[in-house]
Full PDB file with SEQRES, HELIX, SHEET, SSBOND, CRYST1, ORIGX, SCALE, CONECT and MASTER records, all heavy atoms in Angstrom:
SEQRES   1 A   38  LYS GLY ARG PHE THR ILE SER ARG GLU ASN ALA LYS ASN          
SEQRES   2 A   38  THR VAL TYR LEU GLN MET ASN SER LEU LYS PRO GLU ASP          
SEQRES   3 A   38  THR ALA VAL TYR TYR CYS ALA ALA SER THR LYS GLU              
HELIX    1 AA1 ASN A   10  LYS A   12  5                                   3    
HELIX    2 AA2 PRO A   24  ASP A   26  5                                   3    
SHEET    1 AA1 2 PHE A   4  GLU A   9  0                                        
SHEET    2 AA1 2 THR A  14  MET A  19 -1                                        
CRYST1    1.000    1.000    1.000  90.00  90.00  90.00 P 1           1          
ORIGX1      1.000000  0.000000  0.000000        0.00000                         
ORIGX2      0.000000  1.000000  0.000000        0.00000                         
ORIGX3      0.000000  0.000000  1.000000        0.00000                         
SCALE1      1.000000  0.000000  0.000000        0.00000                         
SCALE2      0.000000  1.000000  0.000000        0.00000                         
SCALE3      0.000000  0.000000  1.000000        0.00000                         
ATOM      1  N   LYS A   1      71.020  76.439  17.079  1.00  0.00           N  
ATOM      2  CA  LYS A   1      70.083  77.003  17.991  1.00  0.00           C  
ATOM      3  C   LYS A   1      70.119  78.505  18.059  1.00  0.00           C  
ATOM      4  O   LYS A   1      71.205  79.100  18.092  1.00  0.00           O  
ATOM      5  CB  LYS A   1      70.373  76.408  19.440  1.00  0.00           C  
ATOM      6  CG  LYS A   1      69.168  76.421  20.384  1.00  0.00           C  
ATOM      7  CD  LYS A   1      69.473  75.681  21.582  1.00  0.00           C  
ATOM      8  CE  LYS A   1      69.611  74.244  21.376  1.00  0.00           C  
ATOM      9  NZ  LYS A   1      69.806  73.365  22.561  1.00  0.00           N  
ATOM     10  N   GLY A   2      68.954  79.104  17.911  1.00  0.00           N  
ATOM     11  CA  GLY A   2      68.931  80.561  17.897  1.00  0.00           C  
ATOM     12  C   GLY A   2      69.027  81.157  16.473  1.00  0.00           C  
ATOM     13  O   GLY A   2      68.838  82.386  16.360  1.00  0.00           O  
ATOM     14  N   ARG A   3      69.469  80.382  15.515  1.00  0.00           N  
ATOM     15  CA  ARG A   3      69.516  80.843  14.132  1.00  0.00           C  
ATOM     16  C   ARG A   3      68.569  80.196  13.170  1.00  0.00           C  
ATOM     17  O   ARG A   3      68.112  80.794  12.255  1.00  0.00           O  
ATOM     18  CB  ARG A   3      70.959  80.604  13.679  1.00  0.00           C  
ATOM     19  CG  ARG A   3      72.014  81.280  14.439  1.00  0.00           C  
ATOM     20  CD  ARG A   3      73.387  81.124  13.783  1.00  0.00           C  
ATOM     21  NE  ARG A   3      73.833  79.726  13.613  1.00  0.00           N  
ATOM     22  CZ  ARG A   3      74.156  79.171  12.438  1.00  0.00           C  
ATOM     23  NH1 ARG A   3      74.045  79.882  11.344  1.00  0.00           N  
ATOM     24  NH2 ARG A   3      74.583  77.928  12.404  1.00  0.00           N  
ATOM     25  N   PHE A   4      68.257  78.955  13.450  1.00  0.00           N  
ATOM     26  CA  PHE A   4      67.329  78.133  12.575  1.00  0.00           C  
ATOM     27  C   PHE A   4      65.985  77.912  13.235  1.00  0.00           C  
ATOM     28  O   PHE A   4      65.990  77.718  14.526  1.00  0.00           O  
ATOM     29  CB  PHE A   4      67.965  76.856  12.195  1.00  0.00           C  
ATOM     30  CG  PHE A   4      69.149  76.845  11.292  1.00  0.00           C  
ATOM     31  CD1 PHE A   4      69.785  77.997  10.980  1.00  0.00           C  
ATOM     32  CD2 PHE A   4      69.607  75.603  10.765  1.00  0.00           C  
ATOM     33  CE1 PHE A   4      70.919  78.024  10.064  1.00  0.00           C  
ATOM     34  CE2 PHE A   4      70.661  75.637   9.893  1.00  0.00           C  
ATOM     35  CZ  PHE A   4      71.330  76.812   9.580  1.00  0.00           C  
ATOM     36  N   THR A   5      64.925  77.926  12.524  1.00  0.00           N  
ATOM     37  CA  THR A   5      63.598  77.627  13.043  1.00  0.00           C  
ATOM     38  C   THR A   5      62.929  76.635  12.154  1.00  0.00           C  
ATOM     39  O   THR A   5      62.816  76.813  10.967  1.00  0.00           O  
ATOM     40  CB  THR A   5      62.739  78.868  13.133  1.00  0.00           C  
ATOM     41  OG1 THR A   5      63.400  79.837  13.965  1.00  0.00           O  
ATOM     42  CG2 THR A   5      61.420  78.544  13.794  1.00  0.00           C  
ATOM     43  N   ILE A   6      62.487  75.470  12.762  1.00  0.00           N  
ATOM     44  CA  ILE A   6      61.755  74.430  12.080  1.00  0.00           C  
ATOM     45  C   ILE A   6      60.235  74.772  12.254  1.00  0.00           C  
ATOM     46  O   ILE A   6      59.845  75.030  13.454  1.00  0.00           O  
ATOM     47  CB  ILE A   6      62.138  73.120  12.400  1.00  0.00           C  
ATOM     48  CG1 ILE A   6      61.482  72.015  11.475  1.00  0.00           C  
ATOM     49  CG2 ILE A   6      61.961  72.807  13.884  1.00  0.00           C  
ATOM     50  CD1 ILE A   6      62.097  70.613  11.679  1.00  0.00           C  
ATOM     51  N   SER A   7      59.411  74.460  11.315  1.00  0.00           N  
ATOM     52  CA  SER A   7      57.978  74.691  11.448  1.00  0.00           C  
ATOM     53  C   SER A   7      57.284  73.735  10.404  1.00  0.00           C  
ATOM     54  O   SER A   7      57.930  73.248   9.587  1.00  0.00           O  
ATOM     55  CB  SER A   7      57.513  76.038  11.354  1.00  0.00           C  
ATOM     56  OG  SER A   7      57.797  76.578  10.018  1.00  0.00           O  
ATOM     57  N   ARG A   8      55.944  73.504  10.541  1.00  0.00           N  
ATOM     58  CA  ARG A   8      55.276  72.794   9.639  1.00  0.00           C  
ATOM     59  C   ARG A   8      53.846  73.217   9.481  1.00  0.00           C  
ATOM     60  O   ARG A   8      53.306  73.786  10.388  1.00  0.00           O  
ATOM     61  CB  ARG A   8      55.263  71.209  10.154  1.00  0.00           C  
ATOM     62  CG  ARG A   8      54.489  71.017  11.400  1.00  0.00           C  
ATOM     63  CD  ARG A   8      54.720  69.561  11.874  1.00  0.00           C  
ATOM     64  NE  ARG A   8      54.261  68.577  10.927  1.00  0.00           N  
ATOM     65  CZ  ARG A   8      54.695  67.272  10.981  1.00  0.00           C  
ATOM     66  NH1 ARG A   8      55.493  66.827  11.884  1.00  0.00           N  
ATOM     67  NH2 ARG A   8      54.128  66.487  10.061  1.00  0.00           N  
ATOM     68  N   GLU A   9      53.320  72.938   8.283  1.00  0.00           N  
ATOM     69  CA  GLU A   9      51.908  73.231   8.028  1.00  0.00           C  
ATOM     70  C   GLU A   9      51.303  71.951   7.464  1.00  0.00           C  
ATOM     71  O   GLU A   9      51.444  71.527   6.375  1.00  0.00           O  
ATOM     72  CB  GLU A   9      51.809  74.255   6.913  1.00  0.00           C  
ATOM     73  CG  GLU A   9      52.046  75.626   7.355  1.00  0.00           C  
ATOM     74  CD  GLU A   9      51.708  76.692   6.313  1.00  0.00           C  
ATOM     75  OE1 GLU A   9      50.457  76.895   6.176  1.00  0.00           O  
ATOM     76  OE2 GLU A   9      52.620  77.199   5.624  1.00  0.00           O  
ATOM     77  N   ASN A  10      50.667  71.248   8.448  1.00  0.00           N  
ATOM     78  CA  ASN A  10      50.133  69.898   8.058  1.00  0.00           C  
ATOM     79  C   ASN A  10      49.037  70.001   6.997  1.00  0.00           C  
ATOM     80  O   ASN A  10      48.942  69.095   6.167  1.00  0.00           O  
ATOM     81  CB  ASN A  10      49.584  69.180   9.291  1.00  0.00           C  
ATOM     82  CG  ASN A  10      50.641  68.712  10.145  1.00  0.00           C  
ATOM     83  OD1 ASN A  10      51.777  68.586   9.795  1.00  0.00           O  
ATOM     84  ND2 ASN A  10      50.257  68.480  11.457  1.00  0.00           N  
ATOM     85  N   ALA A  11      48.288  71.142   6.905  1.00  0.00           N  
ATOM     86  CA  ALA A  11      47.329  71.254   5.868  1.00  0.00           C  
ATOM     87  C   ALA A  11      47.931  71.302   4.384  1.00  0.00           C  
ATOM     88  O   ALA A  11      47.242  71.076   3.492  1.00  0.00           O  
ATOM     89  CB  ALA A  11      46.459  72.434   6.121  1.00  0.00           C  
ATOM     90  N   LYS A  12      49.197  71.684   4.443  1.00  0.00           N  
ATOM     91  CA  LYS A  12      49.917  71.844   3.160  1.00  0.00           C  
ATOM     92  C   LYS A  12      50.932  70.680   2.946  1.00  0.00           C  
ATOM     93  O   LYS A  12      51.693  70.691   2.011  1.00  0.00           O  
ATOM     94  CB  LYS A  12      50.617  73.201   3.064  1.00  0.00           C  
ATOM     95  CG  LYS A  12      49.667  74.316   3.000  1.00  0.00           C  
ATOM     96  CD  LYS A  12      50.407  75.666   2.751  1.00  0.00           C  
ATOM     97  CE  LYS A  12      49.464  76.863   2.672  1.00  0.00           C  
ATOM     98  NZ  LYS A  12      50.249  78.141   2.483  1.00  0.00           N  
ATOM     99  N   ASN A  13      50.978  69.797   3.885  1.00  0.00           N  
ATOM    100  CA  ASN A  13      51.945  68.709   3.816  1.00  0.00           C  
ATOM    101  C   ASN A  13      53.335  69.207   3.676  1.00  0.00           C  
ATOM    102  O   ASN A  13      54.167  68.681   2.868  1.00  0.00           O  
ATOM    103  CB  ASN A  13      51.608  67.720   2.691  1.00  0.00           C  
ATOM    104  CG  ASN A  13      50.535  66.713   3.042  1.00  0.00           C  
ATOM    105  OD1 ASN A  13      49.826  66.969   4.038  1.00  0.00           O  
ATOM    106  ND2 ASN A  13      50.375  65.732   2.216  1.00  0.00           N  
ATOM    107  N   THR A  14      53.697  70.313   4.394  1.00  0.00           N  
ATOM    108  CA  THR A  14      54.975  70.944   4.166  1.00  0.00           C  
ATOM    109  C   THR A  14      55.699  71.221   5.563  1.00  0.00           C  
ATOM    110  O   THR A  14      54.961  71.576   6.512  1.00  0.00           O  
ATOM    111  CB  THR A  14      54.797  72.209   3.395  1.00  0.00           C  
ATOM    112  OG1 THR A  14      54.181  71.964   2.187  1.00  0.00           O  
ATOM    113  CG2 THR A  14      56.146  72.925   3.108  1.00  0.00           C  
ATOM    114  N   VAL A  15      56.949  71.037   5.572  1.00  0.00           N  
ATOM    115  CA  VAL A  15      57.780  71.469   6.723  1.00  0.00           C  
ATOM    116  C   VAL A  15      58.821  72.336   6.222  1.00  0.00           C  
ATOM    117  O   VAL A  15      59.317  72.282   5.086  1.00  0.00           O  
ATOM    118  CB  VAL A  15      58.423  70.188   7.401  1.00  0.00           C  
ATOM    119  CG1 VAL A  15      59.361  69.455   6.432  1.00  0.00           C  
ATOM    120  CG2 VAL A  15      59.146  70.621   8.617  1.00  0.00           C  
ATOM    121  N   TYR A  16      59.147  73.343   6.996  1.00  0.00           N  
ATOM    122  CA  TYR A  16      60.110  74.391   6.664  1.00  0.00           C  
ATOM    123  C   TYR A  16      61.292  74.413   7.595  1.00  0.00           C  
ATOM    124  O   TYR A  16      61.243  74.026   8.716  1.00  0.00           O  
ATOM    125  CB  TYR A  16      59.328  75.820   6.825  1.00  0.00           C  
ATOM    126  CG  TYR A  16      58.148  75.875   5.956  1.00  0.00           C  
ATOM    127  CD1 TYR A  16      56.847  75.714   6.630  1.00  0.00           C  
ATOM    128  CD2 TYR A  16      58.112  76.141   4.613  1.00  0.00           C  
ATOM    129  CE1 TYR A  16      55.683  75.836   5.907  1.00  0.00           C  
ATOM    130  CE2 TYR A  16      56.924  76.248   3.907  1.00  0.00           C  
ATOM    131  CZ  TYR A  16      55.699  76.118   4.529  1.00  0.00           C  
ATOM    132  OH  TYR A  16      54.527  76.092   3.892  1.00  0.00           O  
ATOM    133  N   LEU A  17      62.372  75.028   7.060  1.00  0.00           N  
ATOM    134  CA  LEU A  17      63.529  75.319   7.878  1.00  0.00           C  
ATOM    135  C   LEU A  17      63.982  76.777   7.528  1.00  0.00           C  
ATOM    136  O   LEU A  17      64.441  76.999   6.466  1.00  0.00           O  
ATOM    137  CB  LEU A  17      64.680  74.358   7.642  1.00  0.00           C  
ATOM    138  CG  LEU A  17      65.846  74.569   8.544  1.00  0.00           C  
ATOM    139  CD1 LEU A  17      65.488  74.148  10.038  1.00  0.00           C  
ATOM    140  CD2 LEU A  17      67.080  73.688   8.113  1.00  0.00           C  
ATOM    141  N   GLN A  18      63.680  77.646   8.398  1.00  0.00           N  
ATOM    142  CA  GLN A  18      64.094  79.066   8.310  1.00  0.00           C  
ATOM    143  C   GLN A  18      65.495  79.240   8.780  1.00  0.00           C  
ATOM    144  O   GLN A  18      65.728  78.883  10.029  1.00  0.00           O  
ATOM    145  CB  GLN A  18      63.137  80.023   8.988  1.00  0.00           C  
ATOM    146  CG  GLN A  18      63.584  81.519   8.935  1.00  0.00           C  
ATOM    147  CD  GLN A  18      63.453  82.042   7.528  1.00  0.00           C  
ATOM    148  OE1 GLN A  18      62.528  81.779   6.798  1.00  0.00           O  
ATOM    149  NE2 GLN A  18      64.551  82.857   7.149  1.00  0.00           N  
ATOM    150  N   MET A  19      66.471  79.649   8.009  1.00  0.00           N  
ATOM    151  CA  MET A  19      67.843  79.711   8.370  1.00  0.00           C  
ATOM    152  C   MET A  19      68.305  81.180   8.337  1.00  0.00           C  
ATOM    153  O   MET A  19      68.298  81.760   7.207  1.00  0.00           O  
ATOM    154  CB  MET A  19      68.744  78.847   7.430  1.00  0.00           C  
ATOM    155  CG  MET A  19      68.260  77.370   7.391  1.00  0.00           C  
ATOM    156  SD  MET A  19      69.340  76.288   6.493  1.00  0.00           S  
ATOM    157  CE  MET A  19      69.186  77.087   4.801  1.00  0.00           C  
ATOM    158  N   ASN A  20      68.609  81.754   9.437  1.00  0.00           N  
ATOM    159  CA  ASN A  20      69.127  83.080   9.557  1.00  0.00           C  
ATOM    160  C   ASN A  20      70.614  83.137   9.983  1.00  0.00           C  
ATOM    161  O   ASN A  20      71.072  82.137  10.564  1.00  0.00           O  
ATOM    162  CB  ASN A  20      68.260  83.879  10.531  1.00  0.00           C  
ATOM    163  CG  ASN A  20      66.830  83.918  10.107  1.00  0.00           C  
ATOM    164  OD1 ASN A  20      66.452  83.951   8.961  1.00  0.00           O  
ATOM    165  ND2 ASN A  20      65.948  83.956  11.094  1.00  0.00           N  
ATOM    166  N   SER A  21      71.183  84.333   9.823  1.00  0.00           N  
ATOM    167  CA  SER A  21      72.545  84.388  10.217  1.00  0.00           C  
ATOM    168  C   SER A  21      73.454  83.277   9.790  1.00  0.00           C  
ATOM    169  O   SER A  21      74.248  82.723  10.507  1.00  0.00           O  
ATOM    170  CB  SER A  21      72.592  84.518  11.793  1.00  0.00           C  
ATOM    171  OG  SER A  21      71.860  85.646  12.209  1.00  0.00           O  
ATOM    172  N   LEU A  22      73.348  82.995   8.466  1.00  0.00           N  
ATOM    173  CA  LEU A  22      74.084  81.792   7.927  1.00  0.00           C  
ATOM    174  C   LEU A  22      75.608  82.041   8.021  1.00  0.00           C  
ATOM    175  O   LEU A  22      76.110  83.196   7.830  1.00  0.00           O  
ATOM    176  CB  LEU A  22      73.636  81.520   6.556  1.00  0.00           C  
ATOM    177  CG  LEU A  22      72.294  80.778   6.491  1.00  0.00           C  
ATOM    178  CD1 LEU A  22      71.618  80.978   5.072  1.00  0.00           C  
ATOM    179  CD2 LEU A  22      72.416  79.359   6.856  1.00  0.00           C  
ATOM    180  N   LYS A  23      76.258  80.964   8.212  1.00  0.00           N  
ATOM    181  CA  LYS A  23      77.653  80.925   8.299  1.00  0.00           C  
ATOM    182  C   LYS A  23      78.327  80.011   7.248  1.00  0.00           C  
ATOM    183  O   LYS A  23      77.663  79.096   6.811  1.00  0.00           O  
ATOM    184  CB  LYS A  23      78.127  80.471   9.643  1.00  0.00           C  
ATOM    185  CG  LYS A  23      77.579  81.214  10.872  1.00  0.00           C  
ATOM    186  CD  LYS A  23      78.010  80.528  12.188  1.00  0.00           C  
ATOM    187  CE  LYS A  23      77.384  81.222  13.345  1.00  0.00           C  
ATOM    188  NZ  LYS A  23      77.739  80.582  14.634  1.00  0.00           N  
ATOM    189  N   PRO A  24      79.513  80.219   6.769  1.00  0.00           N  
ATOM    190  CA  PRO A  24      80.148  79.265   5.782  1.00  0.00           C  
ATOM    191  C   PRO A  24      80.094  77.863   6.284  1.00  0.00           C  
ATOM    192  O   PRO A  24      79.870  76.970   5.368  1.00  0.00           O  
ATOM    193  CB  PRO A  24      81.598  79.846   5.725  1.00  0.00           C  
ATOM    194  CG  PRO A  24      81.469  81.240   6.029  1.00  0.00           C  
ATOM    195  CD  PRO A  24      80.424  81.408   7.065  1.00  0.00           C  
ATOM    196  N   GLU A  25      80.171  77.597   7.554  1.00  0.00           N  
ATOM    197  CA  GLU A  25      80.103  76.196   8.010  1.00  0.00           C  
ATOM    198  C   GLU A  25      78.710  75.565   7.935  1.00  0.00           C  
ATOM    199  O   GLU A  25      78.596  74.360   8.176  1.00  0.00           O  
ATOM    200  CB  GLU A  25      80.665  76.133   9.489  1.00  0.00           C  
ATOM    201  CG  GLU A  25      79.954  77.034  10.414  1.00  0.00           C  
ATOM    202  CD  GLU A  25      80.794  78.350  10.669  1.00  0.00           C  
ATOM    203  OE1 GLU A  25      81.384  78.907   9.641  1.00  0.00           O  
ATOM    204  OE2 GLU A  25      80.931  78.815  11.813  1.00  0.00           O  
ATOM    205  N   ASP A  26      77.757  76.366   7.553  1.00  0.00           N  
ATOM    206  CA  ASP A  26      76.373  75.845   7.346  1.00  0.00           C  
ATOM    207  C   ASP A  26      76.266  75.246   5.900  1.00  0.00           C  
ATOM    208  O   ASP A  26      75.216  74.612   5.564  1.00  0.00           O  
ATOM    209  CB  ASP A  26      75.366  76.892   7.450  1.00  0.00           C  
ATOM    210  CG  ASP A  26      75.199  77.390   8.877  1.00  0.00           C  
ATOM    211  OD1 ASP A  26      75.288  76.538   9.870  1.00  0.00           O  
ATOM    212  OD2 ASP A  26      75.048  78.586   9.101  1.00  0.00           O  
ATOM    213  N   THR A  27      77.297  75.443   5.055  1.00  0.00           N  
ATOM    214  CA  THR A  27      77.328  74.779   3.728  1.00  0.00           C  
ATOM    215  C   THR A  27      77.150  73.344   3.739  1.00  0.00           C  
ATOM    216  O   THR A  27      77.985  72.721   4.463  1.00  0.00           O  
ATOM    217  CB  THR A  27      78.542  75.298   3.013  1.00  0.00           C  
ATOM    218  OG1 THR A  27      78.653  76.710   2.852  1.00  0.00           O  
ATOM    219  CG2 THR A  27      78.664  74.685   1.609  1.00  0.00           C  
ATOM    220  N   ALA A  28      76.220  72.829   3.005  1.00  0.00           N  
ATOM    221  CA  ALA A  28      75.918  71.357   3.090  1.00  0.00           C  
ATOM    222  C   ALA A  28      74.779  71.138   2.138  1.00  0.00           C  
ATOM    223  O   ALA A  28      74.111  72.027   1.647  1.00  0.00           O  
ATOM    224  CB  ALA A  28      75.618  70.916   4.503  1.00  0.00           C  
ATOM    225  N   VAL A  29      74.559  69.799   1.918  1.00  0.00           N  
ATOM    226  CA  VAL A  29      73.309  69.406   1.316  1.00  0.00           C  
ATOM    227  C   VAL A  29      72.321  69.130   2.452  1.00  0.00           C  
ATOM    228  O   VAL A  29      72.654  68.419   3.376  1.00  0.00           O  
ATOM    229  CB  VAL A  29      73.437  68.121   0.508  1.00  0.00           C  
ATOM    230  CG1 VAL A  29      72.102  67.613  -0.084  1.00  0.00           C  
ATOM    231  CG2 VAL A  29      74.489  68.289  -0.683  1.00  0.00           C  
ATOM    232  N   TYR A  30      71.157  69.738   2.351  1.00  0.00           N  
ATOM    233  CA  TYR A  30      70.173  69.594   3.345  1.00  0.00           C  
ATOM    234  C   TYR A  30      69.032  68.626   2.942  1.00  0.00           C  
ATOM    235  O   TYR A  30      68.546  68.725   1.844  1.00  0.00           O  
ATOM    236  CB  TYR A  30      69.551  71.003   3.751  1.00  0.00           C  
ATOM    237  CG  TYR A  30      70.476  71.805   4.538  1.00  0.00           C  
ATOM    238  CD1 TYR A  30      71.692  72.381   3.976  1.00  0.00           C  
ATOM    239  CD2 TYR A  30      70.225  72.062   5.906  1.00  0.00           C  
ATOM    240  CE1 TYR A  30      72.510  73.130   4.737  1.00  0.00           C  
ATOM    241  CE2 TYR A  30      70.997  72.859   6.656  1.00  0.00           C  
ATOM    242  CZ  TYR A  30      72.170  73.351   6.019  1.00  0.00           C  
ATOM    243  OH  TYR A  30      73.014  74.178   6.899  1.00  0.00           O  
ATOM    244  N   TYR A  31      68.664  67.756   3.856  1.00  0.00           N  
ATOM    245  CA  TYR A  31      67.724  66.717   3.545  1.00  0.00           C  
ATOM    246  C   TYR A  31      66.556  66.809   4.619  1.00  0.00           C  
ATOM    247  O   TYR A  31      66.801  67.037   5.741  1.00  0.00           O  
ATOM    248  CB  TYR A  31      68.214  65.357   3.787  1.00  0.00           C  
ATOM    249  CG  TYR A  31      69.493  65.002   2.811  1.00  0.00           C  
ATOM    250  CD1 TYR A  31      70.786  65.337   3.153  1.00  0.00           C  
ATOM    251  CD2 TYR A  31      69.256  64.404   1.571  1.00  0.00           C  
ATOM    252  CE1 TYR A  31      71.824  65.077   2.383  1.00  0.00           C  
ATOM    253  CE2 TYR A  31      70.323  64.193   0.793  1.00  0.00           C  
ATOM    254  CZ  TYR A  31      71.645  64.498   1.121  1.00  0.00           C  
ATOM    255  OH  TYR A  31      72.674  64.186   0.337  1.00  0.00           O  
ATOM    256  N   CYS A  32      65.318  66.650   4.114  1.00  0.00           N  
ATOM    257  CA  CYS A  32      64.242  66.356   5.081  1.00  0.00           C  
ATOM    258  C   CYS A  32      63.990  64.897   5.224  1.00  0.00           C  
ATOM    259  O   CYS A  32      64.247  64.153   4.328  1.00  0.00           O  
ATOM    260  CB  CYS A  32      62.990  67.192   4.715  1.00  0.00           C  
ATOM    261  SG  CYS A  32      62.165  66.680   3.255  1.00  0.00           S  
ATOM    262  N   ALA A  33      63.428  64.530   6.338  1.00  0.00           N  
ATOM    263  CA  ALA A  33      63.169  63.182   6.711  1.00  0.00           C  
ATOM    264  C   ALA A  33      61.957  63.021   7.571  1.00  0.00           C  
ATOM    265  O   ALA A  33      61.622  63.956   8.273  1.00  0.00           O  
ATOM    266  CB  ALA A  33      64.392  62.600   7.333  1.00  0.00           C  
ATOM    267  N   ALA A  34      61.285  61.848   7.374  1.00  0.00           N  
ATOM    268  CA  ALA A  34      60.010  61.646   8.074  1.00  0.00           C  
ATOM    269  C   ALA A  34      60.181  60.405   9.021  1.00  0.00           C  
ATOM    270  O   ALA A  34      60.789  59.457   8.542  1.00  0.00           O  
ATOM    271  CB  ALA A  34      58.841  61.402   7.112  1.00  0.00           C  
ATOM    272  N   SER A  35      59.595  60.464  10.136  1.00  0.00           N  
ATOM    273  CA  SER A  35      59.721  59.419  11.053  1.00  0.00           C  
ATOM    274  C   SER A  35      58.406  58.930  11.633  1.00  0.00           C  
ATOM    275  O   SER A  35      57.547  59.791  11.885  1.00  0.00           O  
ATOM    276  CB  SER A  35      60.613  59.967  12.291  1.00  0.00           C  
ATOM    277  OG  SER A  35      60.638  58.924  13.324  1.00  0.00           O  
ATOM    278  N   THR A  36      58.234  57.624  11.765  1.00  0.00           N  
ATOM    279  CA  THR A  36      57.005  57.140  12.376  1.00  0.00           C  
ATOM    280  C   THR A  36      57.267  56.888  13.900  1.00  0.00           C  
ATOM    281  O   THR A  36      56.364  56.388  14.519  1.00  0.00           O  
ATOM    282  CB  THR A  36      56.759  55.756  11.756  1.00  0.00           C  
ATOM    283  OG1 THR A  36      57.739  54.805  11.846  1.00  0.00           O  
ATOM    284  CG2 THR A  36      56.409  55.946  10.284  1.00  0.00           C  
ATOM    285  N   LYS A  37      58.427  57.207  14.391  1.00  0.00           N  
ATOM    286  CA  LYS A  37      58.723  56.908  15.756  1.00  0.00           C  
ATOM    287  C   LYS A  37      58.542  58.181  16.698  1.00  0.00           C  
ATOM    288  O   LYS A  37      58.453  59.345  16.215  1.00  0.00           O  
ATOM    289  CB  LYS A  37      60.276  56.522  15.840  1.00  0.00           C  
ATOM    290  CG  LYS A  37      60.523  55.281  15.040  1.00  0.00           C  
ATOM    291  CD  LYS A  37      61.951  54.904  15.005  1.00  0.00           C  
ATOM    292  CE  LYS A  37      62.266  53.686  14.181  1.00  0.00           C  
ATOM    293  NZ  LYS A  37      61.934  54.001  12.663  1.00  0.00           N  
ATOM    294  N   GLU A  38      58.590  57.979  17.964  1.00  0.00           N  
ATOM    295  CA  GLU A  38      58.465  59.022  18.916  1.00  0.00           C  
ATOM    296  C   GLU A  38      59.850  59.707  19.044  1.00  0.00           C  
ATOM    297  O   GLU A  38      60.665  59.067  19.599  1.00  0.00           O  
ATOM    298  CB  GLU A  38      57.920  58.511  20.295  1.00  0.00           C  
ATOM    299  CG  GLU A  38      57.939  59.580  21.348  1.00  0.00           C  
ATOM    300  CD  GLU A  38      57.223  60.855  20.903  1.00  0.00           C  
ATOM    301  OE1 GLU A  38      56.009  60.780  20.634  1.00  0.00           O  
ATOM    302  OE2 GLU A  38      57.902  61.925  20.891  1.00  0.00           O  
TER     303      GLU A  38                                                      
MASTER        0    0    0    2    2    0    0    6  302    1    0    3          
END                                                                             
């Protein structure tokens, strides 16, 4: 919170994750996922 920002552009079928002030503990494989649920 305060470092990452999620956004989407439905016209481009794209979702983004802006990651700032990265830390070594952010090291990982990052996955996007889609949900049909609320």
